[in-house]
C-alpha atoms as a PDB file:
ATOM      1  CA  MET A   1      -7.942  34.350 -15.232  1.00  0.00           C
ATOM      2  CA  ILE A   2      -4.460  34.246 -13.448  1.00  0.00           C
ATOM      3  CA  VAL A   3      -4.811  35.262  -9.765  1.00  0.00           C
ATOM      4  CA  ASP A   4      -1.775  37.095  -8.071  1.00  0.00           C
ATOM      5  CA  LEU A   5      -0.823  34.641  -5.383  1.00  0.00           C
ATOM      6  CA  GLY A   6       1.351  37.555  -3.875  1.00  0.00           C
ATOM      7  CA  ALA A   7      -1.946  39.634  -3.638  1.00  0.00           C
ATOM      8  CA  LEU A   8      -3.626  36.780  -1.753  1.00  0.00           C
ATOM      9  CA  GLU A   9      -0.668  36.643   0.586  1.00  0.00           C
ATOM     10  CA  ILE A  10      -1.138  40.392   1.223  1.00  0.00           C
ATOM     11  CA  LEU A  11      -4.822  39.956   1.771  1.00  0.00           C
ATOM     12  CA  GLU A  12      -4.247  37.380   4.353  1.00  0.00           C
ATOM     13  CA  ALA A  13      -1.622  39.591   6.099  1.00  0.00           C
ATOM     14  CA  ILE A  14      -4.013  42.422   6.292  1.00  0.00           C
ATOM     15  CA  LEU A  15      -6.540  40.310   8.054  1.00  0.00           C
ATOM     16  CA  ALA A  16      -3.876  38.887  10.486  1.00  0.00           C
ATOM     17  CA  GLN A  17      -2.450  42.298  11.318  1.00  0.00           C
ATOM     18  CA  GLY A  18      -5.680  44.352  11.280  1.00  0.00           C
ATOM     19  CA  SER A  19      -4.629  47.132   8.885  1.00  0.00           C
ATOM     20  CA  PHE A  20      -2.713  47.956   5.845  1.00  0.00           C
ATOM     21  CA  THR A  21      -0.083  49.728   7.568  1.00  0.00           C
ATOM     22  CA  LYS A  22       0.799  46.779  10.018  1.00  0.00           C
ATOM     23  CA  ALA A  23       0.451  44.221   7.119  1.00  0.00           C
ATOM     24  CA  ALA A  24       3.076  46.372   5.208  1.00  0.00           C
ATOM     25  CA  VAL A  25       5.479  46.419   8.103  1.00  0.00           C
ATOM     26  CA  SER A  26       5.152  42.594   8.584  1.00  0.00           C
ATOM     27  CA  LEU A  27       5.683  42.022   4.944  1.00  0.00           C
ATOM     28  CA  ASN A  28       8.597  44.497   4.709  1.00  0.00           C
ATOM     29  CA  LYS A  29       6.726  46.446   1.938  1.00  0.00           C
ATOM     30  CA  THR A  30       5.422  50.007   1.683  1.00  0.00           C
ATOM     31  CA  GLN A  31       1.863  50.719   2.524  1.00  0.00           C
ATOM     32  CA  ALA A  32       1.379  51.996  -1.071  1.00  0.00           C
ATOM     33  CA  ALA A  33       2.685  48.782  -2.400  1.00  0.00           C
ATOM     34  CA  VAL A  34       0.257  46.825  -0.199  1.00  0.00           C
ATOM     35  CA  SER A  35      -2.697  49.110  -1.156  1.00  0.00           C
ATOM     36  CA  TYR A  36      -1.847  48.862  -4.859  1.00  0.00           C
ATOM     37  CA  LYS A  37      -1.697  45.054  -4.790  1.00  0.00           C
ATOM     38  CA  ILE A  38      -5.331  44.884  -3.182  1.00  0.00           C
ATOM     39  CA  ARG A  39      -6.532  47.503  -5.639  1.00  0.00           C
ATOM     40  CA  LYS A  40      -5.302  45.388  -8.607  1.00  0.00           C
ATOM     41  CA  LEU A  41      -6.762  42.248  -7.118  1.00  0.00           C
ATOM     42  CA  GLU A  42     -10.064  43.945  -6.907  1.00  0.00           C
ATOM     43  CA  GLU A  43      -9.998  45.241 -10.557  1.00  0.00           C
ATOM     44  CA  GLN A  44      -8.935  41.693 -11.460  1.00  0.00           C
ATOM     45  CA  LEU A  45     -11.851  40.141  -9.865  1.00  0.00           C
ATOM     46  CA  GLY A  46     -14.382  42.907 -10.276  1.00  0.00           C
ATOM     47  CA  VAL A  47     -15.363  42.990  -6.771  1.00  0.00           C
ATOM     48  CA  GLU A  48     -14.673  45.135  -3.516  1.00  0.00           C
ATOM     49  CA  ILE A  49     -12.840  43.140  -1.185  1.00  0.00           C
ATOM     50  CA  PHE A  50     -12.438  45.578   1.820  1.00  0.00           C
ATOM     51  CA  ASN A  51     -14.839  48.222   3.245  1.00  0.00           C
ATOM     52  CA  ARG A  52     -12.523  51.220   3.835  1.00  0.00           C
ATOM     53  CA  ASP A  53     -15.023  53.356   5.882  1.00  0.00           C
ATOM     54  CA  GLY A  54     -13.718  52.140   9.314  1.00  0.00           C
ATOM     55  CA  TYR A  55     -10.611  52.212  11.152  1.00  0.00           C
ATOM     56  CA  ARG A  56      -9.922  48.494  10.903  1.00  0.00           C
ATOM     57  CA  ALA A  57      -9.667  46.758   7.426  1.00  0.00           C
ATOM     58  CA  GLU A  58     -12.883  44.821   7.120  1.00  0.00           C
ATOM     59  CA  LEU A  59     -13.837  42.498   4.508  1.00  0.00           C
ATOM     60  CA  THR A  60     -16.951  42.839   2.562  1.00  0.00           C
ATOM     61  CA  PRO A  61     -19.118  39.775   1.996  1.00  0.00           C
ATOM     62  CA  ALA A  62     -17.376  39.167  -1.286  1.00  0.00           C
ATOM     63  CA  GLY A  63     -13.948  39.631   0.327  1.00  0.00           C
ATOM     64  CA  VAL A  64     -14.639  36.778   2.858  1.00  0.00           C
ATOM     65  CA  MET A  65     -15.339  34.358  -0.116  1.00  0.00           C
ATOM     66  CA  VAL A  66     -12.227  35.686  -1.894  1.00  0.00           C
ATOM     67  CA  LEU A  67     -10.182  35.017   1.052  1.00  0.00           C
ATOM     68  CA  GLU A  68     -11.508  31.657   1.739  1.00  0.00           C
ATOM     69  CA  GLU A  69     -10.779  30.488  -1.834  1.00  0.00           C
ATOM     70  CA  GLY A  70      -7.472  32.286  -1.754  1.00  0.00           C
ATOM     71  CA  ARG A  71      -6.263  30.392   1.268  1.00  0.00           C
ATOM     72  CA  GLN A  72      -6.876  27.137  -0.595  1.00  0.00           C
ATOM     73  CA  LEU A  73      -5.019  28.450  -3.494  1.00  0.00           C
ATOM     74  CA  LEU A  74      -2.067  29.438  -1.184  1.00  0.00           C
ATOM     75  CA  HIS A  75      -2.141  25.883   0.644  1.00  0.00           C
ATOM     76  CA  HIS A  76      -1.885  24.334  -2.931  1.00  0.00           C
ATOM     77  CA  ALA A  77       0.800  26.460  -3.819  1.00  0.00           C
ATOM     78  CA  ALA A  78       2.846  25.735  -0.800  1.00  0.00           C
ATOM     79  CA  ARG A  79       2.137  22.137  -1.597  1.00  0.00           C
ATOM     80  CA  ILE A  80       3.407  22.298  -5.144  1.00  0.00           C
ATOM     81  CA  ARG A  81       6.541  24.080  -3.957  1.00  0.00           C
ATOM     82  CA  SER A  82       7.328  21.472  -1.316  1.00  0.00           C
ATOM     83  CA  ILE A  83       6.686  18.698  -3.944  1.00  0.00           C
ATOM     84  CA  ALA A  84       9.017  20.405  -6.266  1.00  0.00           C
ATOM     85  CA  ARG A  85      11.779  20.689  -3.448  1.00  0.00           C
ATOM     86  CA  ASN A  86      11.517  16.974  -2.627  1.00  0.00           C
ATOM     87  CA  LEU A  87      11.491  15.968  -6.483  1.00  0.00           C
ATOM     88  CA  ASN A  88      14.863  17.932  -6.455  1.00  0.00           C
ATOM     89  CA  GLN A  89      15.758  15.569  -3.786  1.00  0.00           C
ATOM     90  CA  ASP A  90      15.261  12.555  -5.905  1.00  0.00           C
ATOM     91  CA  TRP A  91      11.853  11.490  -4.198  1.00  0.00           C
ATOM     92  CA  GLU A  92       9.696   9.792  -6.787  1.00  0.00           C
ATOM     93  CA  PRO A  93       6.109  11.288  -7.180  1.00  0.00           C
ATOM     94  CA  TYR A  94       4.582   7.659  -7.372  1.00  0.00           C
ATOM     95  CA  LEU A  95       5.416   4.097  -6.769  1.00  0.00           C
ATOM     96  CA  GLN A  96       3.376   1.074  -7.595  1.00  0.00           C
ATOM     97  CA  VAL A  97       4.127  -2.170  -5.768  1.00  0.00           C
ATOM     98  CA  VAL A  98       2.595  -5.629  -6.470  1.00  0.00           C
ATOM     99  CA  VAL A  99       3.101  -8.369  -3.678  1.00  0.00           C
ATOM    100  CA  ASP A 100       1.847 -11.895  -3.379  1.00  0.00           C
ATOM    101  CA  GLY A 101      -0.718 -12.195  -0.700  1.00  0.00           C
ATOM    102  CA  ALA A 102       0.886 -15.165   0.757  1.00  0.00           C
ATOM    103  CA  LEU A 103       3.342 -12.765   2.475  1.00  0.00           C
ATOM    104  CA  PRO A 104       2.802 -11.511   5.943  1.00  0.00           C
ATOM    105  CA  MET A 105       1.605  -8.052   5.674  1.00  0.00           C
ATOM    106  CA  ALA A 106       2.608  -6.705   8.938  1.00  0.00           C
ATOM    107  CA  PRO A 107       6.336  -6.291   7.696  1.00  0.00           C
ATOM    108  CA  VAL A 108       4.962  -4.832   4.535  1.00  0.00           C
ATOM    109  CA  MET A 109       2.979  -2.138   6.547  1.00  0.00           C
ATOM    110  CA  ARG A 110       5.952  -1.403   8.761  1.00  0.00           C
ATOM    111  CA  ALA A 111       8.216  -0.825   5.615  1.00  0.00           C
ATOM    112  CA  LEU A 112       5.467   1.649   4.273  1.00  0.00           C
ATOM    113  CA  ARG A 113       5.431   3.298   7.590  1.00  0.00           C
ATOM    114  CA  THR A 114       9.011   3.992   7.496  1.00  0.00           C
ATOM    115  CA  LEU A 115       8.786   5.425   4.134  1.00  0.00           C
ATOM    116  CA  THR A 116       5.990   7.827   5.666  1.00  0.00           C
ATOM    117  CA  GLU A 117       8.051   8.696   8.593  1.00  0.00           C
ATOM    118  CA  GLN A 118      11.045   9.735   6.526  1.00  0.00           C
ATOM    119  CA  GLY A 119       8.795  12.288   4.995  1.00  0.00           C
ATOM    120  CA  ALA A 120       8.637  10.862   1.603  1.00  0.00           C
ATOM    121  CA  PRO A 121       6.186  12.710  -0.554  1.00  0.00           C
ATOM    122  CA  THR A 122       5.756   9.623  -2.786  1.00  0.00           C
ATOM    123  CA  ARG A 123       2.360   8.195  -3.285  1.00  0.00           C
ATOM    124  CA  VAL A 124       2.395   4.384  -3.039  1.00  0.00           C
ATOM    125  CA  ARG A 125      -0.258   1.909  -4.558  1.00  0.00           C
ATOM    126  CA  LEU A 126       0.064  -1.523  -3.145  1.00  0.00           C
ATOM    127  CA  LYS A 127      -1.749  -4.476  -4.929  1.00  0.00           C
ATOM    128  CA  LEU A 128      -2.073  -7.857  -3.663  1.00  0.00           C
ATOM    129  CA  GLU A 129      -2.119 -10.789  -6.168  1.00  0.00           C
ATOM    130  CA  PHE A 130      -1.432 -14.305  -5.974  1.00  0.00           C
ATOM    131  CA  LEU A 131       0.687 -16.931  -7.764  1.00  0.00           C
ATOM    132  CA  ARG A 132       1.292 -16.066 -11.449  1.00  0.00           C
ATOM    133  CA  GLY A 133      -0.958 -13.044 -11.219  1.00  0.00           C
ATOM    134  CA  VAL A 134       1.805 -11.152  -9.350  1.00  0.00           C
ATOM    135  CA  GLN A 135       4.205 -10.956 -12.434  1.00  0.00           C
ATOM    136  CA  ALA A 136       1.312 -10.516 -14.718  1.00  0.00           C
ATOM    137  CA  ALA A 137       0.200  -7.356 -12.743  1.00  0.00           C
ATOM    138  CA  PHE A 138       3.855  -6.155 -12.500  1.00  0.00           C
ATOM    139  CA  GLU A 139       4.082  -6.118 -16.159  1.00  0.00           C
ATOM    140  CA  ASP A 140       0.644  -5.025 -17.200  1.00  0.00           C
ATOM    141  CA  ASP A 141       0.676  -2.208 -14.706  1.00  0.00           C
ATOM    142  CA  ASP A 142       4.207  -1.220 -15.436  1.00  0.00           C
ATOM    143  CA  ALA A 143       4.743  -1.375 -11.559  1.00  0.00           C
ATOM    144  CA  ASP A 144       8.035  -0.488  -9.939  1.00  0.00           C
ATOM    145  CA  LEU A 145       8.541  -3.403  -7.363  1.00  0.00           C
ATOM    146  CA  MET A 146       7.019  -6.910  -7.006  1.00  0.00           C
ATOM    147  CA  ILE A 147       7.475  -9.654  -4.356  1.00  0.00           C
ATOM    148  CA  ALA A 148       6.293 -12.852  -6.263  1.00  0.00           C
ATOM    149  CA  ARG A 149       6.477 -16.444  -5.336  1.00  0.00           C
ATOM    150  CA  GLU A 150       7.583 -17.466  -8.736  1.00  0.00           C
ATOM    151  CA  ILE A 151       8.679 -15.671 -11.868  1.00  0.00           C
ATOM    152  CA  ASP A 152       9.798 -16.033 -15.315  1.00  0.00           C
ATOM    153  CA  GLU A 153      13.021 -13.809 -15.052  1.00  0.00           C
ATOM    154  CA  GLU A 154      13.507 -11.280 -17.689  1.00  0.00           C
ATOM    155  CA  ALA A 155      16.648  -9.372 -18.759  1.00  0.00           C
ATOM    156  CA  HIS A 156      15.579  -6.128 -17.252  1.00  0.00           C
ATOM    157  CA  TYR A 157      14.740  -7.476 -13.793  1.00  0.00           C
ATOM    158  CA  ARG A 158      16.752  -6.929 -10.710  1.00  0.00           C
ATOM    159  CA  VAL A 159      16.128  -9.863  -8.465  1.00  0.00           C
ATOM    160  CA  ALA A 160      16.692 -10.504  -4.669  1.00  0.00           C
ATOM    161  CA  LEU A 161      15.859 -13.558  -2.810  1.00  0.00           C
ATOM    162  CA  LEU A 162      13.820 -13.001   0.468  1.00  0.00           C
ATOM    163  CA  PRO A 163      13.477 -15.409   3.454  1.00  0.00           C
ATOM    164  CA  GLU A 164      11.396 -18.288   2.919  1.00  0.00           C
ATOM    165  CA  ILE A 165       7.656 -18.496   3.649  1.00  0.00           C
ATOM    166  CA  ALA A 166       6.623 -21.792   5.163  1.00  0.00           C
ATOM    167  CA  PHE A 167       3.210 -23.519   4.468  1.00  0.00           C
ATOM    168  CA  VAL A 168       1.439 -26.267   6.451  1.00  0.00           C
ATOM    169  CA  LEU A 169      -1.253 -28.639   4.950  1.00  0.00           C
ATOM    170  CA  CYS A 170      -4.066 -28.382   7.449  1.00  0.00           C
ATOM    171  CA  VAL A 171      -7.671 -28.984   8.463  1.00  0.00           C
ATOM    172  CA  ALA A 172     -10.072 -28.237  11.094  1.00  0.00           C
ATOM    173  CA  PRO A 173      -9.963 -30.884  14.023  1.00  0.00           C
ATOM    174  CA  GLY A 174     -13.532 -32.047  13.211  1.00  0.00           C
ATOM    175  CA  HIS A 175     -12.678 -32.868   9.628  1.00  0.00           C
ATOM    176  CA  ALA A 176     -12.268 -36.339   8.459  1.00  0.00           C
ATOM    177  CA  LEU A 177      -8.726 -35.894   7.512  1.00  0.00           C
ATOM    178  CA  ALA A 178      -7.814 -34.898  10.956  1.00  0.00           C
ATOM    179  CA  GLY A 179      -7.842 -38.346  12.437  1.00  0.00           C
ATOM    180  CA  ARG A 180      -6.317 -40.294   9.354  1.00  0.00           C
ATOM    181  CA  ARG A 181      -2.706 -41.299   9.511  1.00  0.00           C
ATOM    182  CA  ASN A 182      -0.308 -41.601   6.446  1.00  0.00           C
ATOM    183  CA  VAL A 183      -2.913 -39.780   4.254  1.00  0.00           C
ATOM    184  CA  SER A 184      -2.013 -40.281   0.501  1.00  0.00           C
ATOM    185  CA  SER A 185      -2.738 -37.953  -2.468  1.00  0.00           C
ATOM    186  CA  VAL A 186      -5.565 -40.610  -3.535  1.00  0.00           C
ATOM    187  CA  ASP A 187      -6.998 -40.168   0.074  1.00  0.00           C
ATOM    188  CA  LEU A 188      -7.118 -36.451  -0.473  1.00  0.00           C
ATOM    189  CA  ARG A 189      -9.278 -36.701  -3.583  1.00  0.00           C
ATOM    190  CA  GLU A 190     -12.151 -37.760  -1.462  1.00  0.00           C
ATOM    191  CA  PHE A 191     -12.509 -34.308   0.079  1.00  0.00           C
ATOM    192  CA  VAL A 192     -12.755 -30.631  -1.182  1.00  0.00           C
ATOM    193  CA  LYS A 193      -9.305 -28.762  -1.534  1.00  0.00           C
ATOM    194  CA  ILE A 194      -9.644 -25.165  -0.543  1.00  0.00           C
ATOM    195  CA  THR A 195      -7.224 -23.273  -2.708  1.00  0.00           C
ATOM    196  CA  ILE A 196      -6.402 -19.684  -3.946  1.00  0.00           C
ATOM    197  CA  GLN A 197      -6.607 -18.599  -7.477  1.00  0.00           C
ATOM    198  CA  ASP A 198      -5.195 -15.264  -8.971  1.00  0.00           C
ATOM    199  CA  SER A 199      -7.534 -12.787 -10.139  1.00  0.00           C
ATOM    200  CA  ARG A 200      -6.602 -13.324 -13.855  1.00  0.00           C
ATOM    201  CA  ALA A 201      -6.977 -17.130 -14.039  1.00  0.00           C
ATOM    202  CA  GLN A 202     -10.142 -18.625 -15.488  1.00  0.00           C
ATOM    203  CA  ILE A 203     -12.140 -21.682 -14.413  1.00  0.00           C
ATOM    204  CA  GLY A 204     -13.748 -23.840 -16.996  1.00  0.00           C
ATOM    205  CA  THR A 205     -17.476 -23.490 -17.041  1.00  0.00           C
ATOM    206  CA  SER A 206     -18.142 -27.383 -17.209  1.00  0.00           C
ATOM    207  CA  ASP A 207     -15.709 -28.268 -14.353  1.00  0.00           C
ATOM    208  CA  ASP A 208     -15.810 -25.560 -11.936  1.00  0.00           C
ATOM    209  CA  LEU A 209     -15.407 -27.878  -8.831  1.00  0.00           C
ATOM    210  CA  VAL A 210     -12.383 -29.861 -10.075  1.00  0.00           C
ATOM    211  CA  ALA A 211      -8.747 -28.520  -9.581  1.00  0.00           C
ATOM    212  CA  ALA A 212      -5.813 -29.177 -11.802  1.00  0.00           C
ATOM    213  CA  ASP A 213      -4.775 -32.336  -9.748  1.00  0.00           C
ATOM    214  CA  GLY A 214      -8.142 -34.040  -9.987  1.00  0.00           C
ATOM    215  CA  ASN A 215      -9.274 -32.833  -6.717  1.00  0.00           C
ATOM    216  CA  ARG A 216     -12.745 -31.230  -5.973  1.00  0.00           C
ATOM    217  CA  ALA A 217     -11.799 -27.558  -5.136  1.00  0.00           C
ATOM    218  CA  LEU A 218     -13.173 -24.276  -3.673  1.00  0.00           C
ATOM    219  CA  TYR A 219     -11.444 -21.451  -5.215  1.00  0.00           C
ATOM    220  CA  LEU A 220     -11.078 -18.290  -2.987  1.00  0.00           C
ATOM    221  CA  SER A 221      -9.644 -14.922  -3.617  1.00  0.00           C
ATOM    222  CA  ASP A 222      -7.308 -14.552  -0.337  1.00  0.00           C
ATOM    223  CA  PHE A 223      -5.773 -16.403   2.402  1.00  0.00           C
ATOM    224  CA  GLU A 224      -7.906 -14.980   5.264  1.00  0.00           C
ATOM    225  CA  THR A 225     -11.015 -16.412   3.755  1.00  0.00           C
ATOM    226  CA  LYS A 226      -9.340 -19.497   2.980  1.00  0.00           C
ATOM    227  CA  LYS A 227      -8.330 -19.995   6.576  1.00  0.00           C
ATOM    228  CA  ARG A 228     -11.874 -19.199   7.713  1.00  0.00           C
ATOM    229  CA  ALA A 229     -13.110 -21.919   5.103  1.00  0.00           C
ATOM    230  CA  ILE A 230     -10.723 -24.642   6.533  1.00  0.00           C
ATOM    231  CA  ALA A 231     -11.358 -23.846  10.100  1.00  0.00           C
ATOM    232  CA  MET A 232     -15.226 -24.258   9.435  1.00  0.00           C
ATOM    233  CA  GLY A 233     -14.525 -27.715   8.013  1.00  0.00           C
ATOM    234  CA  LEU A 234     -15.338 -26.934   4.493  1.00  0.00           C
ATOM    235  CA  GLY A 235     -12.099 -28.853   3.303  1.00  0.00           C
ATOM    236  CA  TYR A 236      -8.316 -28.969   3.643  1.00  0.00           C
ATOM    237  CA  GLY A 237      -5.590 -26.683   2.212  1.00  0.00           C
ATOM    238  CA  TRP A 238      -2.117 -25.165   2.510  1.00  0.00           C
ATOM    239  CA  LEU A 239      -1.753 -22.145   4.721  1.00  0.00           C
ATOM    240  CA  PRO A 240       1.149 -20.027   5.505  1.00  0.00           C
ATOM    241  CA  THR A 241       2.407 -20.717   9.052  1.00  0.00           C
ATOM    242  CA  HIS A 242       2.632 -16.945   9.937  1.00  0.00           C
ATOM    243  CA  LEU A 243      -1.130 -16.595   9.294  1.00  0.00           C
ATOM    244  CA  ILE A 244      -2.203 -19.862  11.594  1.00  0.00           C
ATOM    245  CA  ARG A 245       0.263 -19.743  14.397  1.00  0.00           C
ATOM    246  CA  ASP A 246      -2.426 -19.093  17.028  1.00  0.00           C
ATOM    247  CA  GLU A 247      -4.927 -21.615  15.534  1.00  0.00           C
ATOM    248  CA  MET A 248      -2.268 -24.226  15.320  1.00  0.00           C
ATOM    249  CA  ARG A 249      -1.308 -23.682  18.844  1.00  0.00           C
ATOM    250  CA  ASP A 250      -4.647 -23.727  20.331  1.00  0.00           C
ATOM    251  CA  GLY A 251      -6.020 -26.633  18.054  1.00  0.00           C
ATOM    252  CA  ARG A 252      -8.402 -24.795  15.926  1.00  0.00           C
ATOM    253  CA  LEU A 253      -6.495 -26.179  13.028  1.00  0.00           C
ATOM    254  CA  GLN A 254      -4.191 -29.045  12.806  1.00  0.00           C
ATOM    255  CA  ALA A 255      -1.731 -30.467  10.335  1.00  0.00           C
ATOM    256  CA  VAL A 256      -2.690 -33.330   8.003  1.00  0.00           C
ATOM    257  CA  ASP A 257      -0.617 -36.425   8.395  1.00  0.00           C
ATOM    258  CA  TYR A 258       0.349 -36.358   4.634  1.00  0.00           C
ATOM    259  CA  ALA A 259       2.487 -39.210   3.363  1.00  0.00           C
ATOM    260  CA  ASN A 260       4.218 -36.821   0.998  1.00  0.00           C
ATOM    261  CA  GLY A 261       4.947 -34.119   3.672  1.00  0.00           C
ATOM    262  CA  ASN A 262       2.594 -31.675   5.294  1.00  0.00           C
ATOM    263  CA  ARG A 263       5.042 -28.686   5.064  1.00  0.00           C
ATOM    264  CA  TYR A 264       6.995 -26.999   2.260  1.00  0.00           C
ATOM    265  CA  ALA A 265       8.467 -23.573   1.920  1.00  0.00           C
ATOM    266  CA  PHE A 266       9.398 -21.137  -1.077  1.00  0.00           C
ATOM    267  CA  GLY A 267      11.672 -18.383  -1.224  1.00  0.00           C
ATOM    268  CA  PRO A 268       9.789 -15.214  -2.507  1.00  0.00           C
ATOM    269  CA  ARG A 269      11.770 -12.913  -5.085  1.00  0.00           C
ATOM    270  CA  MET A 270      11.822  -9.025  -4.696  1.00  0.00           C
ATOM    271  CA  VAL A 271      12.158  -7.810  -8.225  1.00  0.00           C
ATOM    272  CA  THR A 272      12.873  -4.037  -9.550  1.00  0.00           C
ATOM    273  CA  ARG A 273      13.652  -3.061 -12.988  1.00  0.00           C
ATOM    274  CA  LEU A 274      17.217  -2.408 -14.123  1.00  0.00           C
ATOM    275  CA  ASN A 275      15.914  -0.109 -16.986  1.00  0.00           C
ATOM    276  CA  ARG A 276      14.265   2.421 -14.440  1.00  0.00           C
ATOM    277  CA  HIS A 277      15.696   5.170 -12.423  1.00  0.00           C
ATOM    278  CA  ARG A 278      16.020   4.202  -8.791  1.00  0.00           C
ATOM    279  CA  GLY A 279      15.030   7.109  -6.709  1.00  0.00           C
ATOM    280  CA  ARG A 280      15.064   7.544  -2.826  1.00  0.00           C
ATOM    281  CA  ALA A 281      11.577   6.134  -2.218  1.00  0.00           C
ATOM    282  CA  LEU A 282      12.223   2.862  -4.147  1.00  0.00           C
ATOM    283  CA  GLU A 283      15.716   2.399  -2.536  1.00  0.00           C
ATOM    284  CA  LEU A 284      14.193   2.978   0.986  1.00  0.00           C
ATOM    285  CA  LEU A 285      11.307   0.789   0.440  1.00  0.00           C
ATOM    286  CA  GLU A 286      13.072  -2.093  -0.956  1.00  0.00           C
ATOM    287  CA  ARG A 287      15.722  -1.768   1.960  1.00  0.00           C
ATOM    288  CA  GLU A 288      12.945  -1.639   4.646  1.00  0.00           C
ATOM    289  CA  LEU A 289      10.957  -4.596   2.990  1.00  0.00           C
ATOM    290  CA  ARG A 290      14.025  -6.788   3.191  1.00  0.00           C
ATOM    291  CA  THR A 291      14.856  -5.702   6.804  1.00  0.00           C
ATOM    292  CA  GLN A 292      11.280  -6.208   7.966  1.00  0.00           C
ATOM    293  CA  LEU A 293      10.777  -9.556   6.184  1.00  0.00           C
ATOM    294  CA  GLU A 294      13.955 -10.937   7.562  1.00  0.00           C
ATOM    295  CA  ALA A 295      12.890  -9.880  11.086  1.00  0.00           C
ATOM    296  CA  GLU A 296       9.479 -11.469  10.705  1.00  0.00           C
ATOM    297  CA  ALA A 297      11.040 -14.647   9.364  1.00  0.00           C
ATOM    298  CA  ALA A 298      13.429 -14.770  12.437  1.00  0.00           C
ATOM    299  CA  ASP A 299      10.501 -14.385  14.785  1.00  0.00           C
ATOM    300  CA  GLU A 300       8.468 -17.020  12.907  1.00  0.00           C
ATOM    301  CA  ALA A 301      11.397 -19.574  13.161  1.00  0.00           C
ATOM    302  CA  GLY A 302      11.576 -18.831  16.886  1.00  0.00           C
ATOM    303  CA  ALA A 303       7.847 -19.474  17.382  1.00  0.00           C
ATOM    304  CA  THR A 304       7.867 -22.601  15.316  1.00  0.00           C
ATOM    305  CA  ALA A 305      10.919 -23.908  17.272  1.00  0.00           C
ATOM    306  CA  ALA A 306       9.118 -23.249  20.464  1.00  0.00           C
ATOM    307  CA  MET A 307       5.943 -25.286  19.309  1.00  0.00           C
ATOM    308  CA  THR A 308       7.952 -28.337  18.331  1.00  0.00           C
END
């Protein structure tokens, strides 16, 4: 059954105006045209919508139900028209984004907020992955944009380098490594390494507690959990400096005096596809991600300088 949306609009106008006559005036139609539309709707649905005995147009119980459902149909129809207008303005209906969980999330959220504030109708799915799992998810999910720590470049990739993310090797102040000087890689093997593993990696069943470098290891799924584990003294590990600024400042975490250097940085890469149409949402999101991550990197550099 196809319901006439025009008849539903007339029905709502009659209720708002209080009579068929006033509704006809408000809709710039004749009263005969309004009455005909309602009669046709009643015939189509097989119910009486209005009680016509009184002075005012009053809904029957069936009419109340028709109006309630009709308003939902009108709302959805308006939404569809709005989406169509936006798509004609080159907004994509959907974007899928994959980012490495080592990135600071605040600038990512600010970029997404800008997309919302610009009135984009685009639905965005954001997935966090880690290490090689970022590119694997980007390809497996046919995503539109990724920010990855390391990638195997493909001919159809459009790659942009983003500001570096700094890491520090740290432990809790009560951990045995906290008091050691000139710690070697051999020394590290005495202790549990707290590490991150992407969701697609597999750990061997016979050697679950041994990392690839020979260390005993505790594998976790995200950096917030990793930070808590290290702060509790379960082991040592590399953490992004943006995540532990307060803990390093107040002494809840401290850098390991590692002989090979207790800091390193990597430049994440933002990747989109050359073989895919670039709509307004992707252009805006890509630009905002770069702007927000650059601003975050400048703030982090200032905070680091103030601490040294």
